[in-house]
Amino acid sequence: MPKVKYEVTRGCTFCNTCIFECPVSAITMTKQGALIDQDKCTGCGTCYNNCAFEAIEKIALKAKS
């Protein structure tokens, strides 16, 4: 079963809410918007649930062989 993580795909408004809400500090702000470090992301969904602009989407990661 693939593991679910999250990715900023569109419409980041640079509000920083996801950065403050992420319990593992997996999100940083770049010139293009928020960026989620997939190695740090635990898939908890806190960023997704707190993004008022729906800029974060669920992604399924393939299991490593």
PDB file of N, CA and C in Angstrom:
ATOM      1  N   MET A   1       0.835  -1.183   0.000  1.00  0.00           N
ATOM      2  CA  MET A   1       0.000   0.000   0.000  1.00  0.00           C
ATOM      3  C   MET A   1       0.881   1.249   0.000  1.00  0.00           C
ATOM      4  N   PRO A   2       0.627   2.201  -0.909  1.00  0.00           N
ATOM      5  CA  PRO A   2       1.474   3.390  -0.962  1.00  0.00           C
ATOM      6  C   PRO A   2       1.274   4.288   0.253  1.00  0.00           C
ATOM      7  N   LYS A   3       2.315   4.945   0.639  1.00  0.00           N
ATOM      8  CA  LYS A   3       2.263   5.881   1.748  1.00  0.00           C
ATOM      9  C   LYS A   3       1.754   7.224   1.226  1.00  0.00           C
ATOM     10  N   VAL A   4       0.913   7.895   1.993  1.00  0.00           N
ATOM     11  CA  VAL A   4       0.377   9.193   1.585  1.00  0.00           C
ATOM     12  C   VAL A   4       1.223  10.298   2.193  1.00  0.00           C
ATOM     13  N   LYS A   5       1.584  11.240   1.356  1.00  0.00           N
ATOM     14  CA  LYS A   5       2.258  12.447   1.817  1.00  0.00           C
ATOM     15  C   LYS A   5       1.585  13.621   1.140  1.00  0.00           C
ATOM     16  N   TYR A   6       2.141  14.787   1.287  1.00  0.00           N
ATOM     17  CA  TYR A   6       1.497  15.992   0.785  1.00  0.00           C
ATOM     18  C   TYR A   6       2.473  16.836  -0.011  1.00  0.00           C
ATOM     19  N   GLU A   7       1.935  17.633  -0.933  1.00  0.00           N
ATOM     20  CA  GLU A   7       2.750  18.468  -1.807  1.00  0.00           C
ATOM     21  C   GLU A   7       2.004  19.768  -2.104  1.00  0.00           C
ATOM     22  N   VAL A   8       2.741  20.869  -2.132  1.00  0.00           N
ATOM     23  CA  VAL A   8       2.161  22.150  -2.513  1.00  0.00           C
ATOM     24  C   VAL A   8       2.138  22.178  -4.036  1.00  0.00           C
ATOM     25  N   THR A   9       0.951  22.205  -4.608  1.00  0.00           N
ATOM     26  CA  THR A   9       0.829  22.072  -6.055  1.00  0.00           C
ATOM     27  C   THR A   9       0.398  23.344  -6.763  1.00  0.00           C
ATOM     28  N   ARG A  10      -0.272  24.236  -6.056  1.00  0.00           N
ATOM     29  CA  ARG A  10      -0.774  25.445  -6.716  1.00  0.00           C
ATOM     30  C   ARG A  10      -1.245  26.457  -5.675  1.00  0.00           C
ATOM     31  N   GLY A  11      -1.282  27.692  -6.048  1.00  0.00           N
ATOM     32  CA  GLY A  11      -1.952  28.721  -5.269  1.00  0.00           C
ATOM     33  C   GLY A  11      -1.380  29.068  -3.916  1.00  0.00           C
ATOM     34  N   CYS A  12      -0.117  28.778  -3.651  1.00  0.00           N
ATOM     35  CA  CYS A  12       0.460  29.172  -2.367  1.00  0.00           C
ATOM     36  C   CYS A  12       0.450  30.689  -2.263  1.00  0.00           C
ATOM     37  N   THR A  13      -0.072  31.201  -1.148  1.00  0.00           N
ATOM     38  CA  THR A  13      -0.162  32.652  -0.950  1.00  0.00           C
ATOM     39  C   THR A  13       0.886  33.170   0.034  1.00  0.00           C
ATOM     40  N   PHE A  14       1.834  32.321   0.399  1.00  0.00           N
ATOM     41  CA  PHE A  14       2.923  32.706   1.300  1.00  0.00           C
ATOM     42  C   PHE A  14       2.417  33.105   2.691  1.00  0.00           C
ATOM     43  N   CYS A  15       1.316  32.514   3.132  1.00  0.00           N
ATOM     44  CA  CYS A  15       0.743  32.881   4.432  1.00  0.00           C
ATOM     45  C   CYS A  15       1.504  32.258   5.608  1.00  0.00           C
ATOM     46  N   ASN A  16       2.291  31.229   5.346  1.00  0.00           N
ATOM     47  CA  ASN A  16       3.120  30.535   6.343  1.00  0.00           C
ATOM     48  C   ASN A  16       2.352  29.661   7.325  1.00  0.00           C
ATOM     49  N   THR A  17       1.056  29.528   7.174  1.00  0.00           N
ATOM     50  CA  THR A  17       0.277  28.705   8.099  1.00  0.00           C
ATOM     51  C   THR A  17       0.794  27.275   8.134  1.00  0.00           C
ATOM     52  N   CYS A  18       1.068  26.704   6.982  1.00  0.00           N
ATOM     53  CA  CYS A  18       1.551  25.314   6.936  1.00  0.00           C
ATOM     54  C   CYS A  18       2.874  25.162   7.675  1.00  0.00           C
ATOM     55  N   ILE A  19       3.725  26.154   7.573  1.00  0.00           N
ATOM     56  CA  ILE A  19       5.022  26.098   8.251  1.00  0.00           C
ATOM     57  C   ILE A  19       4.831  26.065   9.760  1.00  0.00           C
ATOM     58  N   PHE A  20       3.946  26.926  10.262  1.00  0.00           N
ATOM     59  CA  PHE A  20       3.697  26.977  11.703  1.00  0.00           C
ATOM     60  C   PHE A  20       2.973  25.739  12.215  1.00  0.00           C
ATOM     61  N   GLU A  21       2.130  25.125  11.389  1.00  0.00           N
ATOM     62  CA  GLU A  21       1.336  23.975  11.806  1.00  0.00           C
ATOM     63  C   GLU A  21       2.079  22.642  11.702  1.00  0.00           C
ATOM     64  N   CYS A  22       3.085  22.540  10.853  1.00  0.00           N
ATOM     65  CA  CYS A  22       3.778  21.262  10.643  1.00  0.00           C
ATOM     66  C   CYS A  22       4.513  20.832  11.920  1.00  0.00           C
ATOM     67  N   PRO A  23       4.130  19.672  12.483  1.00  0.00           N
ATOM     68  CA  PRO A  23       4.755  19.238  13.736  1.00  0.00           C
ATOM     69  C   PRO A  23       6.184  18.721  13.597  1.00  0.00           C
ATOM     70  N   VAL A  24       6.638  18.466  12.356  1.00  0.00           N
ATOM     71  CA  VAL A  24       7.992  17.942  12.166  1.00  0.00           C
ATOM     72  C   VAL A  24       8.891  18.905  11.387  1.00  0.00           C
ATOM     73  N   SER A  25       8.444  20.144  11.212  1.00  0.00           N
ATOM     74  CA  SER A  25       9.223  21.183  10.519  1.00  0.00           C
ATOM     75  C   SER A  25       9.682  20.735   9.135  1.00  0.00           C
ATOM     76  N   ALA A  26       8.765  20.146   8.378  1.00  0.00           N
ATOM     77  CA  ALA A  26       9.100  19.635   7.049  1.00  0.00           C
ATOM     78  C   ALA A  26       8.853  20.651   5.941  1.00  0.00           C
ATOM     79  N   ILE A  27       8.381  21.849   6.299  1.00  0.00           N
ATOM     80  CA  ILE A  27       8.002  22.827   5.283  1.00  0.00           C
ATOM     81  C   ILE A  27       8.850  24.083   5.402  1.00  0.00           C
ATOM     82  N   THR A  28       9.347  24.536   4.256  1.00  0.00           N
ATOM     83  CA  THR A  28      10.096  25.784   4.191  1.00  0.00           C
ATOM     84  C   THR A  28       9.465  26.663   3.118  1.00  0.00           C
ATOM     85  N   MET A  29       9.739  27.945   3.185  1.00  0.00           N
ATOM     86  CA  MET A  29       9.208  28.878   2.196  1.00  0.00           C
ATOM     87  C   MET A  29      10.310  29.214   1.201  1.00  0.00           C
ATOM     88  N   THR A  30       9.972  29.147  -0.078  1.00  0.00           N
ATOM     89  CA  THR A  30      10.901  29.505  -1.145  1.00  0.00           C
ATOM     90  C   THR A  30      10.305  30.681  -1.915  1.00  0.00           C
ATOM     91  N   LYS A  31      11.002  31.163  -2.902  1.00  0.00           N
ATOM     92  CA  LYS A  31      10.484  32.253  -3.740  1.00  0.00           C
ATOM     93  C   LYS A  31       9.248  31.817  -4.521  1.00  0.00           C
ATOM     94  N   GLN A  32       9.099  30.502  -4.739  1.00  0.00           N
ATOM     95  CA  GLN A  32       7.964  29.967  -5.477  1.00  0.00           C
ATOM     96  C   GLN A  32       6.790  29.613  -4.556  1.00  0.00           C
ATOM     97  N   GLY A  33       7.015  29.595  -3.262  1.00  0.00           N
ATOM     98  CA  GLY A  33       5.984  29.227  -2.297  1.00  0.00           C
ATOM     99  C   GLY A  33       6.493  28.160  -1.349  1.00  0.00           C
ATOM    100  N   ALA A  34       5.569  27.594  -0.588  1.00  0.00           N
ATOM    101  CA  ALA A  34       5.940  26.582   0.398  1.00  0.00           C
ATOM    102  C   ALA A  34       6.460  25.327  -0.297  1.00  0.00           C
ATOM    103  N   LEU A  35       7.409  24.675   0.346  1.00  0.00           N
ATOM    104  CA  LEU A  35       7.998  23.445  -0.172  1.00  0.00           C
ATOM    105  C   LEU A  35       8.037  22.425   0.959  1.00  0.00           C
ATOM    106  N   ILE A  36       7.468  21.250   0.712  1.00  0.00           N
ATOM    107  CA  ILE A  36       7.433  20.192   1.713  1.00  0.00           C
ATOM    108  C   ILE A  36       8.563  19.209   1.444  1.00  0.00           C
ATOM    109  N   ASP A  37       9.425  19.014   2.431  1.00  0.00           N
ATOM    110  CA  ASP A  37      10.525  18.059   2.335  1.00  0.00           C
ATOM    111  C   ASP A  37       9.941  16.659   2.522  1.00  0.00           C
ATOM    112  N   GLN A  38       9.903  15.885   1.454  1.00  0.00           N
ATOM    113  CA  GLN A  38       9.281  14.564   1.497  1.00  0.00           C
ATOM    114  C   GLN A  38      10.023  13.582   2.406  1.00  0.00           C
ATOM    115  N   ASP A  39      11.282  13.830   2.672  1.00  0.00           N
ATOM    116  CA  ASP A  39      12.028  12.962   3.583  1.00  0.00           C
ATOM    117  C   ASP A  39      11.634  13.208   5.036  1.00  0.00           C
ATOM    118  N   LYS A  40      11.202  14.421   5.347  1.00  0.00           N
ATOM    119  CA  LYS A  40      10.789  14.763   6.710  1.00  0.00           C
ATOM    120  C   LYS A  40       9.288  14.577   6.941  1.00  0.00           C
ATOM    121  N   CYS A  41       8.506  14.701   5.886  1.00  0.00           N
ATOM    122  CA  CYS A  41       7.043  14.626   5.992  1.00  0.00           C
ATOM    123  C   CYS A  41       6.618  13.250   6.519  1.00  0.00           C
ATOM    124  N   THR A  42       5.749  13.258   7.532  1.00  0.00           N
ATOM    125  CA  THR A  42       5.257  12.010   8.112  1.00  0.00           C
ATOM    126  C   THR A  42       3.872  11.646   7.588  1.00  0.00           C
ATOM    127  N   GLY A  43       3.288  12.518   6.777  1.00  0.00           N
ATOM    128  CA  GLY A  43       1.974  12.244   6.213  1.00  0.00           C
ATOM    129  C   GLY A  43       0.825  12.480   7.171  1.00  0.00           C
ATOM    130  N   CYS A  44       1.034  13.311   8.181  1.00  0.00           N
ATOM    131  CA  CYS A  44      -0.007  13.534   9.190  1.00  0.00           C
ATOM    132  C   CYS A  44      -1.202  14.326   8.667  1.00  0.00           C
ATOM    133  N   GLY A  45      -0.990  15.156   7.628  1.00  0.00           N
ATOM    134  CA  GLY A  45      -2.084  15.909   7.031  1.00  0.00           C
ATOM    135  C   GLY A  45      -2.397  17.240   7.680  1.00  0.00           C
ATOM    136  N   THR A  46      -1.616  17.635   8.662  1.00  0.00           N
ATOM    137  CA  THR A  46      -1.882  18.900   9.344  1.00  0.00           C
ATOM    138  C   THR A  46      -1.789  20.086   8.383  1.00  0.00           C
ATOM    139  N   CYS A  47      -0.816  20.084   7.514  1.00  0.00           N
ATOM    140  CA  CYS A  47      -0.672  21.181   6.549  1.00  0.00           C
ATOM    141  C   CYS A  47      -1.872  21.218   5.608  1.00  0.00           C
ATOM    142  N   TYR A  48      -2.265  20.073   5.124  1.00  0.00           N
ATOM    143  CA  TYR A  48      -3.400  19.939   4.206  1.00  0.00           C
ATOM    144  C   TYR A  48      -4.697  20.429   4.864  1.00  0.00           C
ATOM    145  N   ASN A  49      -4.908  20.037   6.093  1.00  0.00           N
ATOM    146  CA  ASN A  49      -6.127  20.407   6.805  1.00  0.00           C
ATOM    147  C   ASN A  49      -6.178  21.874   7.203  1.00  0.00           C
ATOM    148  N   ASN A  50      -5.037  22.540   7.274  1.00  0.00           N
ATOM    149  CA  ASN A  50      -4.998  23.933   7.709  1.00  0.00           C
ATOM    150  C   ASN A  50      -4.755  24.933   6.587  1.00  0.00           C
ATOM    151  N   CYS A  51      -4.578  24.471   5.365  1.00  0.00           N
ATOM    152  CA  CYS A  51      -4.347  25.390   4.246  1.00  0.00           C
ATOM    153  C   CYS A  51      -5.689  25.963   3.778  1.00  0.00           C
ATOM    154  N   ALA A  52      -5.897  27.236   4.041  1.00  0.00           N
ATOM    155  CA  ALA A  52      -7.158  27.900   3.695  1.00  0.00           C
ATOM    156  C   ALA A  52      -7.307  28.109   2.192  1.00  0.00           C
ATOM    157  N   PHE A  53      -6.221  27.964   1.441  1.00  0.00           N
ATOM    158  CA  PHE A  53      -6.245  28.244   0.009  1.00  0.00           C
ATOM    159  C   PHE A  53      -6.195  26.986  -0.847  1.00  0.00           C
ATOM    160  N   GLU A  54      -6.266  25.819  -0.200  1.00  0.00           N
ATOM    161  CA  GLU A  54      -6.257  24.524  -0.880  1.00  0.00           C
ATOM    162  C   GLU A  54      -5.079  24.366  -1.842  1.00  0.00           C
ATOM    163  N   ALA A  55      -3.926  24.849  -1.409  1.00  0.00           N
ATOM    164  CA  ALA A  55      -2.720  24.775  -2.230  1.00  0.00           C
ATOM    165  C   ALA A  55      -1.969  23.462  -2.028  1.00  0.00           C
ATOM    166  N   ILE A  56      -2.374  22.679  -1.036  1.00  0.00           N
ATOM    167  CA  ILE A  56      -1.686  21.430  -0.712  1.00  0.00           C
ATOM    168  C   ILE A  56      -2.582  20.260  -1.081  1.00  0.00           C
ATOM    169  N   GLU A  57      -1.988  19.275  -1.749  1.00  0.00           N
ATOM    170  CA  GLU A  57      -2.734  18.096  -2.162  1.00  0.00           C
ATOM    171  C   GLU A  57      -2.074  16.828  -1.631  1.00  0.00           C
ATOM    172  N   LYS A  58      -2.879  15.783  -1.482  1.00  0.00           N
ATOM    173  CA  LYS A  58      -2.351  14.472  -1.096  1.00  0.00           C
ATOM    174  C   LYS A  58      -1.665  13.866  -2.308  1.00  0.00           C
ATOM    175  N   ILE A  59      -0.536  13.205  -2.049  1.00  0.00           N
ATOM    176  CA  ILE A  59       0.140  12.447  -3.100  1.00  0.00           C
ATOM    177  C   ILE A  59       0.428  11.062  -2.571  1.00  0.00           C
ATOM    178  N   ALA A  60       0.397  10.085  -3.435  1.00  0.00           N
ATOM    179  CA  ALA A  60       0.722   8.714  -3.037  1.00  0.00           C
ATOM    180  C   ALA A  60       2.128   8.409  -3.507  1.00  0.00           C
ATOM    181  N   LEU A  61       2.933   7.948  -2.599  1.00  0.00           N
ATOM    182  CA  LEU A  61       4.305   7.594  -2.935  1.00  0.00           C
ATOM    183  C   LEU A  61       4.394   6.095  -3.143  1.00  0.00           C
ATOM    184  N   LYS A  62       5.113   5.692  -4.168  1.00  0.00           N
ATOM    185  CA  LYS A  62       5.318   4.268  -4.422  1.00  0.00           C
ATOM    186  C   LYS A  62       6.277   3.702  -3.388  1.00  0.00           C
ATOM    187  N   ALA A  63       6.014   2.501  -2.975  1.00  0.00           N
ATOM    188  CA  ALA A  63       6.894   1.830  -2.021  1.00  0.00           C
ATOM    189  C   ALA A  63       8.260   1.629  -2.657  1.00  0.00           C
ATOM    190  N   LYS A  64       9.298   1.849  -1.841  1.00  0.00           N
ATOM    191  CA  LYS A  64      10.660   1.656  -2.327  1.00  0.00           C
ATOM    192  C   LYS A  64      10.944   0.176  -2.440  1.00  0.00           C
ATOM    193  N   SER A  65      11.616  -0.210  -3.517  1.00  0.00           N
ATOM    194  CA  SER A  65      11.932  -1.634  -3.733  1.00  0.00           C
ATOM    195  C   SER A  65      13.145  -2.047  -2.948  1.00  0.00           C
TER     196      SER A  65
END
